[in-house]
Amino acid sequence: MDFDTNLPIYLQIMTEIKRLIITGTYKPSQKIPSVRELAIDYGVNPNTVQRALSELEREGLVASERTSGRFICDDIERIQKLRVTMMKEKTDQFLREIHEYGFDEEELMETIRERLQNGKSC
């Protein structure tokens, strides 16, 4: 994973794990890799991964079972809310950038319709 130097790494790991949850890579109630395994995968200090997972626990997306490890929450409604929240955040970011480029709403909507009709959206 390539990290953005402008954001704390633990936040970027949190975002990546959230992405894995909403895309179904990590399924509800699924055990996730250990802190040590994730640290190796991401190429970071285990303390950084620990901080990301602790924050995800606070948000209720990950639950820790003392001797069994950590698991994705089984609350489908919470996961759906996360999905919608992340879509809105990405949309807001996109709209800020488009506005900075000087495009108006009409140009934006025309381009979106065109891209959707031509199958360029995915």
N, C-alpha and C. Protein backbone atom coordinates (compact mmCIF):
# COMPACT_ATOMS: atom_id res chain seq x y z
N MET A 1 0.86 -1.18 0.00
CA MET A 1 0.00 0.00 0.00
C MET A 1 0.90 1.23 0.00
N ASP A 2 0.61 2.17 -0.88
CA ASP A 2 1.34 3.43 -0.92
C ASP A 2 0.63 4.43 -0.02
N PHE A 3 1.36 4.98 0.91
CA PHE A 3 0.76 5.90 1.87
C PHE A 3 0.96 7.35 1.44
N ASP A 4 -0.06 8.17 1.74
CA ASP A 4 -0.03 9.60 1.50
C ASP A 4 0.69 10.24 2.68
N THR A 5 1.75 10.99 2.41
CA THR A 5 2.53 11.59 3.49
C THR A 5 1.78 12.70 4.22
N ASN A 6 0.64 13.12 3.68
CA ASN A 6 -0.12 14.20 4.30
C ASN A 6 -1.14 13.71 5.33
N LEU A 7 -1.32 12.40 5.43
CA LEU A 7 -2.28 11.84 6.37
C LEU A 7 -1.59 10.83 7.28
N PRO A 8 -2.01 10.77 8.55
CA PRO A 8 -1.45 9.74 9.43
C PRO A 8 -1.70 8.34 8.85
N ILE A 9 -0.71 7.49 8.95
CA ILE A 9 -0.80 6.15 8.36
C ILE A 9 -1.93 5.35 8.99
N TYR A 10 -2.14 5.49 10.29
CA TYR A 10 -3.20 4.69 10.92
C TYR A 10 -4.56 5.03 10.33
N LEU A 11 -4.78 6.31 9.97
CA LEU A 11 -6.05 6.71 9.34
C LEU A 11 -6.18 6.08 7.96
N GLN A 12 -5.09 6.00 7.23
CA GLN A 12 -5.12 5.39 5.91
C GLN A 12 -5.39 3.89 6.00
N ILE A 13 -4.85 3.26 7.02
CA ILE A 13 -5.12 1.83 7.24
C ILE A 13 -6.58 1.64 7.62
N MET A 14 -7.10 2.52 8.45
CA MET A 14 -8.53 2.45 8.80
C MET A 14 -9.39 2.55 7.55
N THR A 15 -9.08 3.50 6.69
CA THR A 15 -9.85 3.69 5.46
C THR A 15 -9.77 2.46 4.58
N GLU A 16 -8.60 1.86 4.49
CA GLU A 16 -8.44 0.65 3.68
C GLU A 16 -9.26 -0.50 4.25
N ILE A 17 -9.25 -0.67 5.56
CA ILE A 17 -10.04 -1.74 6.17
C ILE A 17 -11.53 -1.47 5.99
N LYS A 18 -11.94 -0.23 6.10
CA LYS A 18 -13.34 0.11 5.83
C LYS A 18 -13.71 -0.23 4.39
N ARG A 19 -12.81 0.06 3.46
CA ARG A 19 -13.05 -0.26 2.05
C ARG A 19 -13.21 -1.77 1.89
N LEU A 20 -12.38 -2.53 2.56
CA LEU A 20 -12.46 -3.99 2.49
C LEU A 20 -13.77 -4.51 3.08
N ILE A 21 -14.28 -3.81 4.09
CA ILE A 21 -15.57 -4.20 4.69
C ILE A 21 -16.71 -3.90 3.73
N ILE A 22 -16.76 -2.68 3.20
CA ILE A 22 -17.93 -2.32 2.37
C ILE A 22 -17.91 -3.00 1.00
N THR A 23 -16.74 -3.43 0.55
CA THR A 23 -16.70 -4.15 -0.73
C THR A 23 -16.94 -5.65 -0.55
N GLY A 24 -17.03 -6.10 0.70
CA GLY A 24 -17.30 -7.50 0.96
C GLY A 24 -16.07 -8.38 1.01
N THR A 25 -14.89 -7.79 0.88
CA THR A 25 -13.66 -8.58 1.00
C THR A 25 -13.57 -9.14 2.42
N TYR A 26 -13.89 -8.28 3.39
CA TYR A 26 -14.06 -8.72 4.77
C TYR A 26 -15.56 -8.80 5.01
N LYS A 27 -16.04 -9.96 5.32
CA LYS A 27 -17.47 -10.18 5.50
C LYS A 27 -17.86 -10.06 6.98
N PRO A 28 -19.15 -9.76 7.24
CA PRO A 28 -19.61 -9.69 8.62
C PRO A 28 -19.24 -10.96 9.39
N SER A 29 -18.77 -10.77 10.60
CA SER A 29 -18.36 -11.83 11.53
C SER A 29 -17.06 -12.53 11.13
N GLN A 30 -16.43 -12.13 10.05
CA GLN A 30 -15.19 -12.76 9.61
C GLN A 30 -14.03 -12.33 10.50
N LYS A 31 -13.19 -13.29 10.82
CA LYS A 31 -11.97 -12.98 11.56
C LYS A 31 -11.00 -12.28 10.62
N ILE A 32 -10.36 -11.22 11.12
CA ILE A 32 -9.40 -10.51 10.29
C ILE A 32 -7.99 -10.93 10.71
N PRO A 33 -7.01 -10.69 9.84
CA PRO A 33 -5.63 -11.05 10.19
C PRO A 33 -5.18 -10.37 11.48
N SER A 34 -4.19 -10.95 12.10
CA SER A 34 -3.66 -10.41 13.35
C SER A 34 -2.95 -9.07 13.10
N VAL A 35 -2.70 -8.35 14.18
CA VAL A 35 -1.97 -7.09 14.10
C VAL A 35 -0.63 -7.32 13.41
N ARG A 36 0.06 -8.36 13.82
CA ARG A 36 1.37 -8.66 13.26
C ARG A 36 1.29 -8.94 11.75
N GLU A 37 0.30 -9.72 11.35
CA GLU A 37 0.13 -10.03 9.92
C GLU A 37 -0.18 -8.77 9.12
N LEU A 38 -1.08 -7.96 9.65
CA LEU A 38 -1.44 -6.71 8.94
C LEU A 38 -0.25 -5.77 8.86
N ALA A 39 0.52 -5.70 9.93
CA ALA A 39 1.70 -4.83 9.94
C ALA A 39 2.68 -5.26 8.84
N ILE A 40 2.85 -6.54 8.68
CA ILE A 40 3.73 -7.05 7.62
C ILE A 40 3.14 -6.72 6.25
N ASP A 41 1.84 -6.96 6.10
CA ASP A 41 1.17 -6.69 4.81
C ASP A 41 1.29 -5.21 4.42
N TYR A 42 1.11 -4.32 5.38
CA TYR A 42 1.15 -2.89 5.10
C TYR A 42 2.56 -2.30 5.19
N GLY A 43 3.48 -3.07 5.73
CA GLY A 43 4.85 -2.60 5.86
C GLY A 43 5.01 -1.49 6.88
N VAL A 44 4.28 -1.63 8.00
CA VAL A 44 4.32 -0.61 9.05
C VAL A 44 4.57 -1.25 10.41
N ASN A 45 4.79 -0.42 11.39
CA ASN A 45 4.98 -0.85 12.77
C ASN A 45 3.66 -1.43 13.30
N PRO A 46 3.71 -2.53 14.04
CA PRO A 46 2.48 -3.10 14.61
C PRO A 46 1.68 -2.10 15.46
N ASN A 47 2.36 -1.16 16.10
CA ASN A 47 1.64 -0.16 16.90
C ASN A 47 0.72 0.70 16.03
N THR A 48 1.12 0.93 14.80
CA THR A 48 0.29 1.71 13.88
C THR A 48 -0.98 0.95 13.54
N VAL A 49 -0.84 -0.33 13.26
CA VAL A 49 -2.00 -1.18 12.97
C VAL A 49 -2.88 -1.28 14.21
N GLN A 50 -2.26 -1.45 15.37
CA GLN A 50 -3.02 -1.54 16.62
C GLN A 50 -3.88 -0.30 16.82
N ARG A 51 -3.32 0.85 16.55
CA ARG A 51 -4.07 2.10 16.70
C ARG A 51 -5.26 2.14 15.74
N ALA A 52 -5.04 1.74 14.48
CA ALA A 52 -6.12 1.72 13.49
C ALA A 52 -7.23 0.77 13.94
N LEU A 53 -6.86 -0.42 14.39
CA LEU A 53 -7.87 -1.39 14.81
C LEU A 53 -8.61 -0.94 16.07
N SER A 54 -7.90 -0.30 16.98
CA SER A 54 -8.55 0.22 18.19
C SER A 54 -9.60 1.27 17.83
N GLU A 55 -9.26 2.12 16.87
CA GLU A 55 -10.23 3.13 16.41
C GLU A 55 -11.43 2.47 15.73
N LEU A 56 -11.17 1.45 14.94
CA LEU A 56 -12.27 0.74 14.29
C LEU A 56 -13.15 0.03 15.33
N GLU A 57 -12.55 -0.43 16.40
CA GLU A 57 -13.33 -1.02 17.50
C GLU A 57 -14.21 0.05 18.14
N ARG A 58 -13.64 1.22 18.38
CA ARG A 58 -14.42 2.31 18.96
C ARG A 58 -15.61 2.68 18.09
N GLU A 59 -15.42 2.58 16.77
CA GLU A 59 -16.50 2.88 15.82
C GLU A 59 -17.50 1.73 15.71
N GLY A 60 -17.18 0.60 16.31
CA GLY A 60 -18.08 -0.55 16.28
C GLY A 60 -18.00 -1.39 15.02
N LEU A 61 -16.97 -1.20 14.22
CA LEU A 61 -16.83 -1.97 12.98
C LEU A 61 -16.04 -3.26 13.18
N VAL A 62 -15.25 -3.28 14.22
CA VAL A 62 -14.42 -4.44 14.54
C VAL A 62 -14.63 -4.74 16.02
N ALA A 63 -14.70 -6.02 16.33
CA ALA A 63 -14.84 -6.44 17.73
C ALA A 63 -13.70 -7.38 18.08
N SER A 64 -13.21 -7.23 19.28
CA SER A 64 -12.11 -8.05 19.74
C SER A 64 -12.65 -9.11 20.69
N GLU A 65 -12.25 -10.35 20.46
CA GLU A 65 -12.57 -11.43 21.37
C GLU A 65 -11.25 -11.88 21.98
N ARG A 66 -11.16 -11.77 23.26
CA ARG A 66 -9.91 -11.91 24.01
C ARG A 66 -8.93 -12.95 23.48
N THR A 67 -9.35 -14.16 23.31
CA THR A 67 -8.40 -15.20 22.90
C THR A 67 -8.53 -15.61 21.44
N SER A 68 -9.53 -15.06 20.77
CA SER A 68 -9.80 -15.50 19.39
C SER A 68 -9.35 -14.53 18.32
N GLY A 69 -9.11 -13.28 18.68
CA GLY A 69 -8.70 -12.29 17.69
C GLY A 69 -9.77 -11.24 17.46
N ARG A 70 -9.69 -10.61 16.31
CA ARG A 70 -10.65 -9.55 15.97
C ARG A 70 -11.53 -10.00 14.82
N PHE A 71 -12.78 -9.52 14.87
CA PHE A 71 -13.78 -9.91 13.88
C PHE A 71 -14.51 -8.67 13.37
N ILE A 72 -14.94 -8.75 12.12
CA ILE A 72 -15.76 -7.69 11.54
C ILE A 72 -17.13 -7.76 12.22
N CYS A 73 -17.73 -6.60 12.47
CA CYS A 73 -19.04 -6.59 13.12
C CYS A 73 -20.06 -7.31 12.24
N ASP A 74 -21.10 -7.80 12.86
CA ASP A 74 -22.14 -8.50 12.10
C ASP A 74 -23.37 -7.63 11.90
N ASP A 75 -23.24 -6.35 12.19
CA ASP A 75 -24.35 -5.39 12.06
C ASP A 75 -24.40 -4.87 10.62
N ILE A 76 -25.25 -5.49 9.81
CA ILE A 76 -25.36 -5.15 8.39
C ILE A 76 -25.78 -3.69 8.22
N GLU A 77 -26.66 -3.21 9.07
CA GLU A 77 -27.11 -1.82 8.99
C GLU A 77 -25.94 -0.85 9.21
N ARG A 78 -25.07 -1.15 10.15
CA ARG A 78 -23.89 -0.31 10.41
C ARG A 78 -22.97 -0.30 9.18
N ILE A 79 -22.81 -1.46 8.58
CA ILE A 79 -21.95 -1.56 7.40
C ILE A 79 -22.57 -0.78 6.24
N GLN A 80 -23.89 -0.86 6.08
CA GLN A 80 -24.56 -0.11 5.02
C GLN A 80 -24.42 1.40 5.26
N LYS A 81 -24.53 1.82 6.50
CA LYS A 81 -24.35 3.25 6.82
C LYS A 81 -22.92 3.68 6.49
N LEU A 82 -21.95 2.84 6.80
CA LEU A 82 -20.56 3.13 6.47
C LEU A 82 -20.40 3.28 4.96
N ARG A 83 -21.02 2.39 4.22
CA ARG A 83 -20.95 2.42 2.75
C ARG A 83 -21.48 3.76 2.22
N VAL A 84 -22.63 4.19 2.72
CA VAL A 84 -23.24 5.45 2.29
C VAL A 84 -22.37 6.63 2.71
N THR A 85 -21.86 6.60 3.93
CA THR A 85 -20.99 7.68 4.41
C THR A 85 -19.75 7.82 3.55
N MET A 86 -19.13 6.68 3.23
CA MET A 86 -17.92 6.74 2.41
C MET A 86 -18.23 7.25 1.00
N MET A 87 -19.38 6.88 0.45
CA MET A 87 -19.77 7.39 -0.86
C MET A 87 -19.94 8.91 -0.81
N LYS A 88 -20.59 9.40 0.23
CA LYS A 88 -20.81 10.84 0.36
C LYS A 88 -19.49 11.58 0.52
N GLU A 89 -18.57 11.03 1.30
CA GLU A 89 -17.25 11.66 1.47
C GLU A 89 -16.50 11.73 0.15
N LYS A 90 -16.52 10.64 -0.62
CA LYS A 90 -15.84 10.61 -1.92
C LYS A 90 -16.51 11.59 -2.89
N THR A 91 -17.84 11.66 -2.84
CA THR A 91 -18.57 12.58 -3.71
C THR A 91 -18.24 14.02 -3.37
N ASP A 92 -18.20 14.34 -2.08
CA ASP A 92 -17.86 15.70 -1.65
C ASP A 92 -16.46 16.07 -2.12
N GLN A 93 -15.52 15.15 -1.98
CA GLN A 93 -14.14 15.39 -2.42
C GLN A 93 -14.11 15.64 -3.93
N PHE A 94 -14.80 14.81 -4.67
CA PHE A 94 -14.87 14.95 -6.12
C PHE A 94 -15.47 16.31 -6.51
N LEU A 95 -16.57 16.68 -5.86
CA LEU A 95 -17.22 17.95 -6.19
C LEU A 95 -16.34 19.15 -5.87
N ARG A 96 -15.58 19.09 -4.77
CA ARG A 96 -14.65 20.18 -4.44
C ARG A 96 -13.60 20.33 -5.54
N GLU A 97 -13.07 19.20 -6.00
CA GLU A 97 -12.05 19.24 -7.04
C GLU A 97 -12.62 19.79 -8.35
N ILE A 98 -13.80 19.33 -8.73
CA ILE A 98 -14.43 19.79 -9.97
C ILE A 98 -14.70 21.29 -9.88
N HIS A 99 -15.16 21.75 -8.73
CA HIS A 99 -15.41 23.18 -8.53
C HIS A 99 -14.11 23.98 -8.68
N GLU A 100 -13.01 23.45 -8.13
CA GLU A 100 -11.71 24.12 -8.25
C GLU A 100 -11.28 24.25 -9.70
N TYR A 101 -11.68 23.29 -10.54
CA TYR A 101 -11.34 23.34 -11.96
C TYR A 101 -12.21 24.33 -12.73
N GLY A 102 -13.23 24.85 -12.06
CA GLY A 102 -14.07 25.87 -12.69
C GLY A 102 -15.27 25.35 -13.45
N PHE A 103 -15.61 24.08 -13.29
CA PHE A 103 -16.78 23.54 -13.97
C PHE A 103 -18.04 23.85 -13.18
N ASP A 104 -19.13 24.12 -13.92
CA ASP A 104 -20.39 24.38 -13.24
C ASP A 104 -21.23 23.09 -13.19
N GLU A 105 -22.36 23.16 -12.52
CA GLU A 105 -23.20 21.99 -12.32
C GLU A 105 -23.68 21.40 -13.65
N GLU A 106 -24.05 22.27 -14.58
CA GLU A 106 -24.54 21.79 -15.88
C GLU A 106 -23.47 20.99 -16.62
N GLU A 107 -22.24 21.49 -16.64
CA GLU A 107 -21.14 20.78 -17.29
C GLU A 107 -20.87 19.44 -16.61
N LEU A 108 -20.92 19.46 -15.30
CA LEU A 108 -20.69 18.24 -14.54
C LEU A 108 -21.75 17.19 -14.85
N MET A 109 -23.01 17.59 -14.78
CA MET A 109 -24.10 16.64 -15.01
C MET A 109 -24.07 16.11 -16.44
N GLU A 110 -23.76 16.96 -17.40
CA GLU A 110 -23.66 16.53 -18.80
C GLU A 110 -22.57 15.47 -18.96
N THR A 111 -21.44 15.72 -18.34
CA THR A 111 -20.32 14.78 -18.43
C THR A 111 -20.66 13.47 -17.74
N ILE A 112 -21.30 13.53 -16.59
CA ILE A 112 -21.69 12.30 -15.88
C ILE A 112 -22.67 11.49 -16.71
N ARG A 113 -23.69 12.15 -17.27
CA ARG A 113 -24.67 11.43 -18.12
C ARG A 113 -23.97 10.77 -19.31
N GLU A 114 -23.09 11.52 -19.94
CA GLU A 114 -22.35 11.00 -21.10
C GLU A 114 -21.52 9.78 -20.72
N ARG A 115 -20.82 9.87 -19.60
CA ARG A 115 -19.96 8.77 -19.16
C ARG A 115 -20.78 7.54 -18.80
N LEU A 116 -21.93 7.75 -18.15
CA LEU A 116 -22.77 6.63 -17.79
C LEU A 116 -23.34 5.96 -19.04
N GLN A 117 -23.76 6.76 -20.02
CA GLN A 117 -24.33 6.19 -21.26
C GLN A 117 -23.29 5.42 -22.05
N ASN A 118 -22.05 5.84 -21.98
CA ASN A 118 -20.99 5.18 -22.73
C ASN A 118 -20.29 4.08 -21.94
N GLY A 119 -20.85 3.76 -20.78
CA GLY A 119 -20.27 2.68 -19.98
C GLY A 119 -18.91 3.00 -19.39
N LYS A 120 -18.62 4.26 -19.16
CA LYS A 120 -17.30 4.68 -18.66
C LYS A 120 -17.30 4.88 -17.16
N SER A 121 -18.36 4.51 -16.49
CA SER A 121 -18.46 4.81 -15.06
C SER A 121 -17.70 3.84 -14.17
N CYS A 122 -17.42 2.66 -14.66
CA CYS A 122 -16.77 1.68 -13.79
C CYS A 122 -15.38 1.35 -14.25
